[in-house]
Amino acid sequence: MEFLHSIINDINNFIWTYIIIAALIGLGIYFTVRTKFVQIRLIREMFRLITTSAGDKTEGKEISGFQAFCVSTASRVGVGNIAGVAIAIVTGGPGAIFWMWLIAFIGCATGFVESTLAQIYKLPKEDGAFHGGPAYYIKNALDQPNIAKLFAILISVTFGLIYVSVQANTIALSIETAFEIDHTITATVLAILTAMVIFGGLHRIAKVTEFLVPIMAGVYILAAIAIILMNIEEVPSMFALIFHDAFNPQAAVGGGFGAVFMTGVRRGLFSNEAGEGSVPNAAATASGNHPARQGLIQSFGVYVDTWFVCTATAFIILLTEQYSIGGELTGIALAQKSLGSVFGNFAPNALSVIVFMFAFSSIVGNYYYGEINIAFFEGDESGKAPSKIAKNALIIFRVLVILMVIFGSNAELSFVWDSADLFMGFLCLTNLYAIARLGKFSFIALEDYVKQKNNGIEEPKFDVSVIPNQKGIEAWKKINK
């Protein structure tokens, strides 16, 4: 296991240092400029769309814009927002938080592009629902089925298996810290609960996440606000420390500036998933009148994830001063100790419950990304019932997910996180290649949406003819009839 871990670290250091960082930041800046800073210019519209779609009624197995947002947020908002931030601070110091913020800012534009593309190239299903994502727009718009299959395999393994083990690992550690319950017991209970949900289908997933996500995020952020108010006089110096250490890291940080920068970017991407190609799978399922609508909704999700929840964790840890750069106390245990130093002994227990909600909803959301990409291999994109082979493959996948829950609950923390970085890197590169080529169509959709809004149309409607290349556009052609 140590030899395998060493190989994973070597590959990670190469692809992240020389390839992924440049691609992520370069494309993020390009998308920001081409969308005319959509993450700032249309932030009020993003918020309006989320709040108004929360009350949308759906029929049958249709997924509303808000439900799709909750499914993707359930995947985004997980242990990366708590354990991942704690690891970033211990590894790279407070300055890593600045780079998490920066990657989130440019990631909003990237998130808009990939989710809008997923909407443009989504496919209709016979039950009135939709499906799609990077595998579909790579195959149908770029006409590159082999790369599409590679993406489908990568996301199924990365989210359905590797990321699930990360979430399970954090749940087990938090419960052990708070309640001294053995990992084996936690793994068994978690596996049973996971099986109950994932065998219930996407509609149940949407309902579960729509209920859990707002509650868990709200409670956690309220706890952070309380700590901020209790230490309000320390807030200015905390910000000064973050900005200073972003460019001048403390001596305790091994690797200096490079370590701070890399740590912030990695943990930021793991948390907000912008550019990874995961969120578009949920974005494609949403019903709506215009592809840019869901693109804007999902773009705001990056803010929710990093600027709200991740920042809450960072402030809790930095203001309570329980951390030590390079120290052994890290991950969820550090977050629990930080809260316990303010709210007393019950706080680690309460955080363990919140972590369970965060991580379990992520397991559910991550599983869905694997499910929809397994369906991609079916070869029948008409939306008909899956073939016998596809059904059997899905059953096997569900069993593997449950086994990874058990494995992750008992694995070493550093091994599961480094494995996640490896698969996340390959997944990200595949999707970035696709959206770099197709991004121009998302810009056209955005311009059409804004033009209609400027003309006084409250809810713009998409006319597929605005896209010059009609290849791969199926759902909207039927909608426009």
Protein backbone atom coordinates (compact mmCIF):
# COMPACT_ATOMS: atom_id res chain seq x y z
CA MET A 1 0.00 0.00 0.00
CA GLU A 2 2.88 2.39 0.78
CA PHE A 3 4.44 1.71 -2.65
CA LEU A 4 1.12 2.44 -4.39
CA HIS A 5 0.69 5.60 -2.31
CA SER A 6 4.17 6.75 -3.35
CA ILE A 7 3.37 6.27 -7.05
CA ILE A 8 0.11 8.20 -6.67
CA ASN A 9 1.95 11.10 -5.04
CA ASP A 10 4.57 11.22 -7.81
CA ILE A 11 1.91 11.34 -10.53
CA ASN A 12 -0.06 13.96 -8.60
CA ASN A 13 2.97 16.21 -8.22
CA PHE A 14 3.67 16.12 -11.95
CA ILE A 15 0.21 16.62 -13.43
CA TRP A 16 -0.89 19.20 -10.88
CA THR A 17 2.34 21.21 -11.05
CA TYR A 18 2.82 21.29 -14.80
CA ILE A 19 -0.57 20.71 -16.43
CA ILE A 20 -3.76 21.08 -14.40
CA ILE A 21 -3.03 24.38 -12.67
CA ALA A 22 -2.23 26.12 -15.95
CA ALA A 23 -5.31 24.67 -17.67
CA LEU A 24 -7.67 25.50 -14.82
CA ILE A 25 -6.54 29.06 -14.26
CA GLY A 26 -5.95 29.82 -17.93
CA LEU A 27 -9.39 28.66 -19.04
CA GLY A 28 -11.03 30.19 -15.97
CA ILE A 29 -9.62 33.59 -16.84
CA TYR A 30 -10.58 33.14 -20.51
CA PHE A 31 -14.17 32.21 -19.60
CA THR A 32 -14.35 35.12 -17.15
CA VAL A 33 -13.34 37.59 -19.86
CA ARG A 34 -15.54 36.07 -22.59
CA THR A 35 -18.62 36.05 -20.33
CA LYS A 36 -17.82 39.63 -19.31
CA PHE A 37 -17.37 38.63 -15.66
CA VAL A 38 -20.64 36.71 -15.42
CA GLN A 39 -19.83 35.83 -11.78
CA ILE A 40 -20.16 39.52 -10.84
CA ARG A 41 -22.36 40.97 -13.56
CA LEU A 42 -25.26 38.52 -13.08
CA ILE A 43 -24.93 37.57 -9.42
CA ARG A 44 -28.31 39.11 -8.58
CA GLU A 45 -29.93 37.13 -11.38
CA MET A 46 -28.30 33.94 -10.07
CA PHE A 47 -29.78 34.52 -6.64
CA ARG A 48 -33.20 35.36 -8.10
CA LEU A 49 -33.26 32.18 -10.17
CA ILE A 50 -32.38 29.98 -7.19
CA THR A 51 -34.98 31.52 -4.89
CA THR A 52 -37.77 31.48 -7.48
CA SER A 53 -37.07 27.94 -8.71
CA ALA A 54 -37.23 26.64 -5.12
CA GLY A 55 -41.01 26.70 -5.41
CA ASP A 56 -41.26 25.21 -8.90
CA LYS A 57 -43.69 22.31 -9.23
CA THR A 58 -42.57 19.28 -11.23
CA GLU A 59 -44.52 16.46 -12.83
CA GLY A 60 -43.59 12.79 -12.83
CA LYS A 61 -39.82 12.40 -12.75
CA GLU A 62 -39.00 15.93 -13.86
CA ILE A 63 -36.26 17.71 -11.92
CA SER A 64 -36.65 21.41 -11.16
CA GLY A 65 -33.77 23.87 -11.44
CA PHE A 66 -33.60 24.09 -7.66
CA GLN A 67 -33.58 20.31 -7.24
CA ALA A 68 -30.74 19.99 -9.78
CA PHE A 69 -28.91 22.71 -7.85
CA CYS A 70 -29.39 20.75 -4.62
CA VAL A 71 -28.15 17.50 -6.17
CA SER A 72 -24.97 19.21 -7.37
CA THR A 73 -24.56 21.14 -4.11
CA ALA A 74 -24.95 17.90 -2.18
CA SER A 75 -21.93 16.61 -4.07
CA ARG A 76 -19.99 19.88 -3.75
CA VAL A 77 -20.76 20.57 -0.11
CA GLY A 78 -19.15 17.67 1.66
CA VAL A 79 -16.07 16.83 3.65
CA GLY A 80 -13.95 19.04 1.38
CA ASN A 81 -15.63 22.02 3.02
CA ILE A 82 -14.65 20.94 6.52
CA ALA A 83 -11.92 18.28 6.55
CA GLY A 84 -10.43 19.54 3.27
CA VAL A 85 -10.13 23.13 4.51
CA ALA A 86 -8.57 21.94 7.77
CA ILE A 87 -6.03 19.90 5.83
CA ALA A 88 -5.27 22.91 3.62
CA ILE A 89 -4.53 25.14 6.62
CA VAL A 90 -2.33 22.56 8.35
CA THR A 91 -0.45 21.77 5.11
CA GLY A 92 -0.20 25.17 3.46
CA GLY A 93 -0.98 27.59 6.27
CA PRO A 94 -3.67 30.31 6.33
CA GLY A 95 -2.52 31.61 2.93
CA ALA A 96 -4.01 28.52 1.23
CA ILE A 97 -7.46 29.98 1.91
CA PHE A 98 -6.75 32.93 -0.39
CA TRP A 99 -6.02 30.59 -3.28
CA MET A 100 -9.19 28.63 -2.54
CA TRP A 101 -11.12 31.91 -2.85
CA LEU A 102 -9.38 32.81 -6.11
CA ILE A 103 -9.99 29.42 -7.74
CA ALA A 104 -13.65 29.74 -6.73
CA PHE A 105 -13.96 33.19 -8.29
CA ILE A 106 -12.69 32.16 -11.70
CA GLY A 107 -14.39 28.79 -11.22
CA CYS A 108 -17.78 30.51 -11.29
CA ALA A 109 -17.25 31.36 -14.96
CA THR A 110 -16.04 27.84 -15.72
CA GLY A 111 -19.03 26.42 -13.87
CA PHE A 112 -21.39 28.56 -15.93
CA VAL A 113 -19.87 27.38 -19.21
CA GLU A 114 -19.93 23.64 -18.47
CA SER A 115 -23.45 23.65 -16.99
CA THR A 116 -24.86 25.73 -19.86
CA LEU A 117 -23.29 23.32 -22.34
CA ALA A 118 -24.87 20.40 -20.47
CA GLN A 119 -28.26 22.10 -20.86
CA ILE A 120 -27.76 22.87 -24.56
CA TYR A 121 -26.81 19.27 -25.35
CA LYS A 122 -29.09 17.45 -22.90
CA LEU A 123 -31.21 14.57 -24.16
CA PRO A 124 -34.91 13.91 -23.53
CA LYS A 125 -36.16 10.76 -21.82
CA GLU A 126 -39.52 9.12 -22.38
CA ASP A 127 -40.67 9.82 -18.81
CA GLY A 128 -40.46 13.59 -19.37
CA ALA A 129 -37.08 13.96 -17.67
CA PHE A 130 -33.70 14.81 -19.20
CA HIS A 131 -30.17 13.47 -18.96
CA GLY A 132 -26.77 14.59 -20.16
CA GLY A 133 -23.36 15.85 -19.12
CA PRO A 134 -19.81 15.99 -20.51
CA ALA A 135 -19.86 12.44 -21.90
CA TYR A 136 -22.90 13.39 -23.96
CA TYR A 137 -21.62 16.72 -25.29
CA ILE A 138 -18.22 15.21 -26.04
CA LYS A 139 -19.84 12.45 -28.09
CA ASN A 140 -22.70 14.32 -29.74
CA ALA A 141 -21.24 17.81 -30.21
CA LEU A 142 -17.55 17.02 -30.67
CA ASP A 143 -18.18 13.62 -32.30
CA GLN A 144 -15.47 11.95 -30.20
CA PRO A 145 -17.09 8.83 -28.69
CA ASN A 146 -13.86 7.33 -27.37
CA ILE A 147 -13.01 10.41 -25.32
CA ALA A 148 -16.63 10.46 -24.17
CA LYS A 149 -16.30 6.88 -22.95
CA LEU A 150 -13.05 7.77 -21.17
CA PHE A 151 -14.80 10.60 -19.36
CA ALA A 152 -17.74 8.35 -18.41
CA ILE A 153 -15.36 5.79 -16.93
CA LEU A 154 -13.32 8.42 -15.08
CA ILE A 155 -16.30 10.14 -13.49
CA SER A 156 -17.92 6.83 -12.51
CA VAL A 157 -14.74 5.74 -10.75
CA THR A 158 -13.82 9.16 -9.35
CA PHE A 159 -17.17 10.15 -7.90
CA GLY A 160 -18.97 6.85 -7.53
CA LEU A 161 -16.05 5.07 -5.90
CA ILE A 162 -13.02 7.22 -4.91
CA TYR A 163 -14.92 10.27 -3.63
CA VAL A 164 -17.39 8.03 -1.84
CA SER A 165 -14.50 6.51 0.10
CA VAL A 166 -13.30 10.02 1.07
CA GLN A 167 -16.74 10.95 2.42
CA ALA A 168 -17.04 7.66 4.30
CA ASN A 169 -13.55 8.08 5.76
CA THR A 170 -14.44 11.47 7.23
CA ILE A 171 -17.74 10.23 8.65
CA ALA A 172 -15.98 7.34 10.38
CA LEU A 173 -13.24 9.60 11.81
CA SER A 174 -15.70 12.22 13.08
CA ILE A 175 -17.93 9.63 14.75
CA GLU A 176 -14.92 7.92 16.33
CA THR A 177 -13.66 11.27 17.66
CA ALA A 178 -17.03 12.30 19.04
CA PHE A 179 -18.61 9.04 20.20
CA GLU A 180 -15.70 6.53 20.25
CA ILE A 181 -17.64 4.21 17.96
CA ASP A 182 -15.54 1.66 16.07
CA HIS A 183 -15.09 2.19 12.33
CA THR A 184 -16.59 -1.23 11.56
CA ILE A 185 -19.91 -0.31 13.13
CA THR A 186 -19.99 3.05 11.35
CA ALA A 187 -19.13 1.40 8.03
CA THR A 188 -21.94 -1.14 8.40
CA VAL A 189 -24.61 1.44 9.24
CA LEU A 190 -23.42 3.81 6.52
CA ALA A 191 -23.41 1.03 3.93
CA ILE A 192 -27.02 0.10 4.79
CA LEU A 193 -28.21 3.71 4.58
CA THR A 194 -26.40 4.23 1.28
CA ALA A 195 -28.00 1.10 -0.19
CA MET A 196 -31.47 2.26 0.86
CA VAL A 197 -31.09 5.55 -1.00
CA ILE A 198 -29.17 4.59 -4.15
CA PHE A 199 -31.55 1.76 -4.97
CA GLY A 200 -34.38 4.29 -4.85
CA GLY A 201 -33.45 6.20 -8.03
CA LEU A 202 -32.69 9.82 -9.00
CA HIS A 203 -36.11 11.17 -8.02
CA ARG A 204 -35.53 10.02 -4.45
CA ILE A 205 -31.99 11.41 -4.56
CA ALA A 206 -33.35 14.82 -5.59
CA LYS A 207 -35.91 14.77 -2.78
CA VAL A 208 -33.37 13.74 -0.14
CA THR A 209 -30.81 16.38 -1.14
CA GLU A 210 -33.44 19.11 -1.52
CA PHE A 211 -34.26 18.55 2.17
CA LEU A 212 -30.75 18.03 3.58
CA VAL A 213 -28.63 20.62 1.80
CA PRO A 214 -30.23 23.86 3.06
CA ILE A 215 -30.46 22.57 6.63
CA MET A 216 -26.90 21.35 7.01
CA ALA A 217 -25.35 24.38 5.33
CA GLY A 218 -27.47 26.81 7.36
CA VAL A 219 -26.67 25.30 10.76
CA TYR A 220 -22.96 25.15 10.03
CA ILE A 221 -22.74 28.73 8.78
CA LEU A 222 -24.66 29.96 11.83
CA ALA A 223 -22.06 28.33 14.08
CA ALA A 224 -19.29 30.10 12.15
CA ILE A 225 -21.11 33.46 12.42
CA ALA A 226 -21.36 32.99 16.18
CA ILE A 227 -17.60 32.40 16.43
CA ILE A 228 -16.91 35.44 14.25
CA LEU A 229 -19.08 37.65 16.47
CA MET A 230 -17.41 36.30 19.61
CA ASN A 231 -13.98 37.12 18.14
CA ILE A 232 -14.90 40.18 16.09
CA GLU A 233 -11.84 42.13 17.19
CA GLU A 234 -9.58 39.41 15.73
CA VAL A 235 -11.21 39.37 12.29
CA PRO A 236 -9.09 42.15 10.70
CA SER A 237 -5.85 40.49 11.78
CA MET A 238 -7.14 37.13 10.50
CA PHE A 239 -7.72 38.59 7.03
CA ALA A 240 -4.29 40.22 7.13
CA LEU A 241 -2.74 36.83 7.98
CA ILE A 242 -4.53 35.10 5.09
CA PHE A 243 -3.44 37.68 2.52
CA HIS A 244 0.11 37.91 3.87
CA ASP A 245 0.68 34.16 4.00
CA ALA A 246 -0.76 33.68 0.51
CA PHE A 247 2.41 35.22 -0.91
CA ASN A 248 4.82 34.98 2.04
CA PRO A 249 4.18 31.63 3.73
CA GLN A 250 5.43 30.90 7.21
CA ALA A 251 8.66 28.97 7.63
CA ALA A 252 6.76 25.94 8.94
CA VAL A 253 5.17 25.42 5.51
CA GLY A 254 7.25 22.82 3.71
CA GLY A 255 7.69 23.81 0.10
CA GLY A 256 7.12 27.53 0.57
CA PHE A 257 4.91 29.48 -1.84
CA GLY A 258 4.46 26.51 -4.17
CA ALA A 259 3.00 24.41 -1.37
CA VAL A 260 0.58 27.15 -0.30
CA PHE A 261 -0.58 27.75 -3.86
CA MET A 262 -0.94 24.07 -4.81
CA THR A 263 -2.71 23.17 -1.58
CA GLY A 264 -5.25 25.96 -1.97
CA VAL A 265 -5.99 25.12 -5.60
CA ARG A 266 -6.31 21.36 -5.03
CA ARG A 267 -8.56 21.65 -2.01
CA GLY A 268 -10.53 24.41 -3.73
CA LEU A 269 -11.20 22.31 -6.81
CA PHE A 270 -12.08 19.24 -4.75
CA SER A 271 -14.59 21.36 -2.89
CA ASN A 272 -16.29 23.43 -5.63
CA GLU A 273 -15.74 21.00 -8.55
CA ALA A 274 -15.74 23.81 -11.16
CA GLY A 275 -14.29 22.46 -14.39
CA GLU A 276 -14.29 18.87 -13.23
CA GLY A 277 -17.31 17.95 -15.31
CA SER A 278 -19.36 16.61 -12.43
CA VAL A 279 -21.93 19.36 -11.91
CA PRO A 280 -23.06 19.38 -15.59
CA ASN A 281 -24.47 15.90 -15.05
CA ALA A 282 -26.94 17.34 -12.57
CA ALA A 283 -27.44 20.56 -14.54
CA ALA A 284 -28.55 18.60 -17.61
CA THR A 285 -31.44 16.99 -15.72
CA ALA A 286 -33.18 20.30 -14.97
CA SER A 287 -36.23 21.45 -16.86
CA GLY A 288 -36.42 25.14 -17.80
CA ASN A 289 -36.93 27.66 -20.58
CA HIS A 290 -33.31 28.53 -21.33
CA PRO A 291 -29.94 26.73 -20.98
CA ALA A 292 -28.26 29.82 -19.50
CA ARG A 293 -30.80 29.72 -16.67
CA GLN A 294 -29.35 26.55 -15.17
CA GLY A 295 -25.84 27.69 -16.00
CA LEU A 296 -26.35 30.76 -13.81
CA ILE A 297 -27.91 28.69 -11.02
CA GLN A 298 -25.01 26.25 -10.97
CA SER A 299 -22.47 29.07 -11.18
CA PHE A 300 -23.81 30.47 -7.92
CA GLY A 301 -23.25 27.04 -6.38
CA VAL A 302 -19.50 27.69 -6.48
CA TYR A 303 -20.04 30.72 -4.26
CA VAL A 304 -22.20 28.71 -1.86
CA ASP A 305 -19.59 26.00 -1.62
CA THR A 306 -16.34 27.95 -1.28
CA TRP A 307 -17.16 31.51 -0.25
CA PHE A 308 -19.81 30.45 2.26
CA VAL A 309 -19.17 26.94 3.63
CA CYS A 310 -15.39 26.62 3.12
CA THR A 311 -14.88 30.14 4.46
CA ALA A 312 -16.97 29.24 7.50
CA THR A 313 -14.58 26.37 8.27
CA ALA A 314 -11.52 28.55 7.70
CA PHE A 315 -12.78 31.23 10.07
CA ILE A 316 -13.67 28.66 12.75
CA ILE A 317 -10.16 27.16 12.65
CA LEU A 318 -8.21 30.41 12.35
CA LEU A 319 -10.16 32.36 14.98
CA THR A 320 -10.02 29.57 17.57
CA GLU A 321 -6.26 29.09 16.92
CA GLN A 322 -6.31 25.34 17.53
CA TYR A 323 -4.27 24.53 14.44
CA SER A 324 -0.54 24.01 14.01
CA ILE A 325 1.10 24.17 10.58
CA GLY A 326 2.57 20.77 9.84
CA GLY A 327 0.97 19.35 12.99
CA GLU A 328 -0.57 15.91 13.39
CA LEU A 329 -4.03 17.21 14.29
CA THR A 330 -5.76 17.78 10.97
CA GLY A 331 -8.90 17.05 8.98
CA ILE A 332 -12.21 16.64 10.73
CA ALA A 333 -10.56 16.14 14.13
CA LEU A 334 -9.13 19.67 13.96
CA ALA A 335 -12.50 21.17 13.06
CA GLN A 336 -14.13 19.30 15.95
CA LYS A 337 -11.49 20.51 18.41
CA SER A 338 -11.87 24.09 17.15
CA LEU A 339 -15.63 24.08 17.72
CA GLY A 340 -15.19 22.33 21.05
CA SER A 341 -12.89 25.09 22.29
CA VAL A 342 -15.77 27.57 21.90
CA PHE A 343 -18.99 25.66 22.47
CA GLY A 344 -17.82 22.99 24.90
CA ASN A 345 -17.76 19.22 24.85
CA PHE A 346 -21.07 18.82 23.02
CA ALA A 347 -19.72 20.67 19.93
CA PRO A 348 -17.66 17.74 18.53
CA ASN A 349 -20.76 15.58 18.79
CA ALA A 350 -22.91 18.17 17.05
CA LEU A 351 -20.31 18.63 14.29
CA SER A 352 -20.17 14.87 13.85
CA VAL A 353 -23.90 14.91 13.08
CA ILE A 354 -23.46 17.83 10.64
CA VAL A 355 -20.50 16.08 9.00
CA PHE A 356 -22.62 12.98 8.62
CA MET A 357 -25.29 15.02 6.83
CA PHE A 358 -22.71 16.79 4.65
CA ALA A 359 -20.84 13.61 3.72
CA PHE A 360 -23.87 11.34 3.32
CA SER A 361 -25.55 13.79 0.95
CA SER A 362 -22.25 13.90 -0.99
CA ILE A 363 -22.19 10.11 -1.21
CA VAL A 364 -25.70 10.24 -2.65
CA GLY A 365 -24.85 13.03 -5.11
CA ASN A 366 -21.57 11.39 -6.13
CA TYR A 367 -23.32 8.09 -6.76
CA TYR A 368 -25.72 9.77 -9.16
CA TYR A 369 -22.89 11.06 -11.33
CA GLY A 370 -21.69 7.50 -11.72
CA GLU A 371 -25.18 6.19 -12.46
CA ILE A 372 -25.91 8.58 -15.32
CA ASN A 373 -22.55 7.89 -16.94
CA ILE A 374 -23.02 4.14 -16.74
CA ALA A 375 -26.24 4.67 -18.67
CA PHE A 376 -24.12 6.41 -21.31
CA PHE A 377 -22.57 3.05 -22.25
CA GLU A 378 -25.98 1.63 -22.99
CA GLY A 379 -25.74 3.02 -26.52
CA ASP A 380 -29.43 3.94 -26.61
CA GLU A 381 -29.84 7.69 -26.14
CA SER A 382 -33.57 7.78 -26.82
CA GLY A 383 -34.36 7.71 -23.13
CA LYS A 384 -35.97 4.27 -23.27
CA ALA A 385 -35.68 1.80 -20.40
CA PRO A 386 -32.12 0.55 -19.90
CA SER A 387 -31.09 -2.68 -21.57
CA LYS A 388 -30.53 -5.82 -19.52
CA ILE A 389 -26.76 -5.31 -19.75
CA ALA A 390 -27.03 -1.73 -18.53
CA LYS A 391 -29.30 -2.79 -15.65
CA ASN A 392 -26.82 -5.47 -14.57
CA ALA A 393 -23.91 -3.02 -14.83
CA LEU A 394 -25.81 -0.56 -12.65
CA ILE A 395 -26.44 -3.21 -10.00
CA ILE A 396 -22.74 -4.09 -9.96
CA PHE A 397 -21.86 -0.40 -9.69
CA ARG A 398 -24.21 0.04 -6.73
CA VAL A 399 -22.61 -2.91 -4.97
CA LEU A 400 -19.14 -1.42 -5.60
CA VAL A 401 -20.30 1.92 -4.16
CA ILE A 402 -21.41 0.19 -0.98
CA LEU A 403 -18.09 -1.70 -0.78
CA MET A 404 -16.18 1.57 -1.19
CA VAL A 405 -18.17 3.03 1.70
CA ILE A 406 -16.89 0.16 3.82
CA PHE A 407 -13.32 0.49 2.50
CA GLY A 408 -13.21 4.26 2.96
CA SER A 409 -14.46 4.00 6.52
CA ASN A 410 -11.40 1.94 7.42
CA ALA A 411 -8.69 3.35 5.11
CA GLU A 412 -5.84 5.74 5.96
CA LEU A 413 -6.84 9.40 5.61
CA SER A 414 -3.90 10.52 3.45
CA PHE A 415 -4.28 7.60 1.02
CA VAL A 416 -7.94 8.28 0.18
CA TRP A 417 -7.36 12.04 -0.22
CA ASP A 418 -4.32 11.58 -2.49
CA SER A 419 -6.22 9.01 -4.57
CA ALA A 420 -9.03 11.55 -4.95
CA ASP A 421 -6.54 14.16 -6.21
CA LEU A 422 -5.20 11.73 -8.82
CA PHE A 423 -8.54 10.81 -10.36
CA MET A 424 -9.82 14.37 -10.03
CA GLY A 425 -6.86 15.55 -12.11
CA PHE A 426 -7.50 13.20 -15.05
CA LEU A 427 -11.24 13.89 -14.94
CA CYS A 428 -10.67 17.64 -14.94
CA LEU A 429 -8.32 17.56 -17.94
CA THR A 430 -10.79 15.55 -20.03
CA ASN A 431 -13.66 17.96 -19.35
CA LEU A 432 -11.54 21.11 -19.76
CA TYR A 433 -10.52 19.91 -23.21
CA ALA A 434 -14.20 19.63 -24.20
CA ILE A 435 -15.44 22.93 -22.79
CA ALA A 436 -12.47 24.79 -24.26
CA ARG A 437 -13.70 23.71 -27.71
CA LEU A 438 -17.44 24.12 -27.07
CA GLY A 439 -17.38 27.17 -24.79
CA LYS A 440 -18.28 29.56 -27.62
CA PHE A 441 -21.81 28.15 -27.72
CA SER A 442 -22.35 28.90 -24.03
CA PHE A 443 -21.32 32.52 -24.73
CA ILE A 444 -23.99 32.72 -27.44
CA ALA A 445 -26.60 31.33 -25.05
CA LEU A 446 -25.62 33.86 -22.39
CA GLU A 447 -25.82 36.77 -24.82
CA ASP A 448 -29.28 35.59 -25.93
CA TYR A 449 -30.45 35.34 -22.32
CA VAL A 450 -29.15 38.79 -21.36
CA LYS A 451 -30.59 40.35 -24.53
CA GLN A 452 -34.05 39.03 -23.70
CA LYS A 453 -33.76 40.25 -20.10
CA ASN A 454 -32.74 43.70 -21.33
CA ASN A 455 -35.81 43.72 -23.56
CA GLY A 456 -38.03 43.27 -20.51
CA ILE A 457 -38.66 39.53 -20.78
CA GLU A 458 -38.78 38.22 -17.20
CA GLU A 459 -38.22 34.54 -18.12
CA PRO A 460 -36.26 34.27 -21.40
CA LYS A 461 -37.05 31.39 -23.75
CA PHE A 462 -34.41 29.64 -25.79
CA ASP A 463 -34.64 29.55 -29.56
CA VAL A 464 -32.31 26.81 -30.71
CA SER A 465 -31.65 28.65 -33.97
CA VAL A 466 -29.29 31.08 -32.19
CA ILE A 467 -26.71 28.27 -32.06
CA PRO A 468 -24.98 28.19 -35.47
CA ASN A 469 -24.02 24.51 -35.26
CA GLN A 470 -27.09 22.34 -34.54
CA LYS A 471 -25.12 19.11 -34.15
CA GLY A 472 -25.94 17.23 -30.96
CA ILE A 473 -28.84 19.48 -29.91
CA GLU A 474 -31.86 17.23 -29.41
CA ALA A 475 -34.00 18.21 -26.42
CA TRP A 476 -34.37 21.87 -27.39
CA LYS A 477 -35.37 21.01 -30.94
CA LYS A 478 -38.35 19.10 -29.53
CA ILE A 479 -39.11 21.84 -27.01
CA ASN A 480 -39.09 24.50 -29.75
CA LYS A 481 -41.61 22.59 -31.90
